[in-house]
Every structure is written in C-alpha cells, then in structure tokens.
Amino acid sequence: MNPPKSAQSPQNPILKWSERILLGFIAAAVLAYLGDCAVFNLRGKPLGRISVNSYLTVPLKGNKTEYDYQGTEPVPCAHALFPQTGAPPCWYLSRHSTHAENL
C-alpha cells in the first residue's frame, strides 16, 4: 500500500544537498566558535594590547575628506580566533592597526 500523495514530498536532489551543505557549514561555524570560547576561558581569558593609530575624518567641500591624526592608543584585544569579552581578536587588530572615526 502506497502512502497518500500528501505524505510524499518529492524534493529536488540539488535542494536536499544544498540544504545539507548549508547546515554543515552552520554547524561547523557554531562548533568552531564554541571551541574557541572554551579554550579562551580555560586559558584564563588572556587579553593583550595593540597600539592603534587613530584618525578623525572631517568632511570638506567638494566631496573631499580631511584626516586628522589623533595619536596612538593601546586597544585591548583577545588572544583568540573570534571576538571574546567584547574585545576584537589580536590577530585581526594587528593587521588593522588604523582606526578612522567620523566627525
């Protein structure tokens, strides 16, 4: 005896595989973040400081922008893969050591 037509859901196989792949990526991302968080907490929440150059951007006439140097300031960072305790990761901050703030 065959199940009723409403119980059968003939799905496109490409849709099924793309759904599985998407769920796999989401699961991998969640596991990576949770693992990073666990290692960060087990290591005693190690924080560092990176010197960042700060600039103030001032809009001028004629769609021009002036950049005023504000100095360097130490910014706290987390020794982790992902941002932890509200601090960006140190590997990211060391590669992006210039911060521009809009006026």
Protein backbone atom coordinates (compact mmCIF):
# COMPACT_ATOMS: atom_id res chain seq x y z
CA MET A 1 0.00 0.00 0.00
CA ASN A 2 1.41 3.38 -1.01
CA PRO A 3 1.27 6.40 1.31
CA PRO A 4 -1.00 9.23 0.24
CA LYS A 5 0.37 11.81 -2.18
CA SER A 6 0.45 14.50 0.53
CA ALA A 7 2.84 12.39 2.66
CA GLN A 8 5.29 12.02 -0.21
CA SER A 9 7.36 15.12 -0.82
CA PRO A 10 9.39 14.73 -3.97
CA GLN A 11 12.18 17.23 -3.43
CA ASN A 12 14.78 18.28 -5.86
CA PRO A 13 18.01 16.39 -5.01
CA ILE A 14 20.06 19.56 -5.53
CA LEU A 15 17.89 21.32 -2.95
CA LYS A 16 18.39 18.49 -0.45
CA TRP A 17 22.18 18.53 -0.88
CA SER A 18 22.43 22.32 -0.72
CA GLU A 19 20.37 22.26 2.48
CA ARG A 20 22.69 19.64 4.00
CA ILE A 21 25.79 21.58 3.00
CA LEU A 22 24.39 24.80 4.46
CA LEU A 23 23.51 23.06 7.73
CA GLY A 24 27.01 21.54 7.81
CA PHE A 25 28.65 24.96 7.42
CA ILE A 26 26.44 26.44 10.15
CA ALA A 27 27.22 23.53 12.49
CA ALA A 28 30.96 23.85 11.79
CA ALA A 29 30.88 27.60 12.48
CA VAL A 30 29.00 27.12 15.76
CA LEU A 31 31.37 24.36 16.87
CA ALA A 32 34.42 26.49 15.97
CA TYR A 33 33.09 29.44 17.98
CA LEU A 34 32.16 27.30 20.99
CA GLY A 35 35.55 25.59 20.92
CA ASP A 36 37.33 28.93 20.71
CA CYS A 37 35.25 30.25 23.61
CA ALA A 38 36.04 27.17 25.72
CA VAL A 39 39.79 27.41 25.05
CA PHE A 40 39.72 31.16 25.76
CA ASN A 41 38.03 30.59 29.13
CA LEU A 42 40.28 27.64 30.04
CA ARG A 43 43.36 29.78 29.37
CA GLY A 44 42.13 32.36 31.89
CA LYS A 45 40.73 34.90 29.42
CA PRO A 46 44.09 36.11 28.06
CA LEU A 47 43.90 39.70 26.89
CA GLY A 48 46.60 41.76 25.22
CA ARG A 49 47.03 45.32 24.00
CA ILE A 50 47.83 46.54 20.48
CA SER A 51 48.76 50.14 19.63
CA VAL A 52 46.30 51.56 17.11
CA ASN A 53 46.69 54.79 15.13
CA SER A 54 43.55 56.92 15.44
CA TYR A 55 42.38 59.41 12.83
CA LEU A 56 39.42 61.78 12.80
CA THR A 57 37.78 62.15 9.39
CA VAL A 58 36.33 65.58 8.66
CA PRO A 59 34.14 66.09 5.56
CA LEU A 60 35.11 69.13 3.46
CA LYS A 61 33.58 70.93 0.50
CA GLY A 62 33.65 69.23 -2.89
CA ASN A 63 33.24 65.69 -1.51
CA LYS A 64 36.73 65.77 0.00
CA THR A 65 37.79 64.37 3.35
CA GLU A 66 40.46 65.58 5.77
CA TYR A 67 42.17 63.07 8.05
CA ASP A 68 43.40 64.49 11.36
CA TYR A 69 45.88 62.31 13.26
CA GLN A 70 44.77 61.81 16.87
CA GLY A 71 47.74 59.74 18.08
CA THR A 72 48.25 56.13 19.05
CA GLU A 73 46.32 54.43 21.79
CA PRO A 74 46.54 50.92 23.23
CA VAL A 75 43.42 48.89 22.50
CA PRO A 76 42.62 45.69 24.45
CA CYS A 77 42.39 42.52 22.37
CA ALA A 78 41.65 38.85 22.97
CA HIS A 79 44.15 36.10 22.18
CA ALA A 80 41.53 34.02 20.33
CA LEU A 81 40.18 33.33 16.85
CA PHE A 82 36.91 35.17 17.39
CA PRO A 83 36.00 38.29 19.41
CA GLN A 84 35.69 37.42 23.10
CA THR A 85 34.52 39.52 26.09
CA GLY A 86 33.82 42.45 23.76
CA ALA A 87 37.44 42.69 22.58
CA PRO A 88 38.48 42.05 18.97
CA PRO A 89 40.98 39.26 18.32
CA CYS A 90 44.64 40.31 18.47
CA TRP A 91 45.45 38.77 15.09
CA TYR A 92 42.81 41.00 13.46
CA LEU A 93 43.76 44.14 15.34
CA SER A 94 47.46 43.77 14.50
CA ARG A 95 46.57 43.65 10.78
CA HIS A 96 44.13 46.57 11.02
CA SER A 97 46.06 48.98 13.23
CA THR A 98 44.49 52.15 11.81
CA HIS A 99 41.13 53.37 13.11
CA ALA A 100 39.24 56.25 11.50
CA GLU A 101 36.38 57.90 13.36
CA ASN A 102 33.83 60.04 11.51
CA LEU A 103 33.02 63.51 12.76
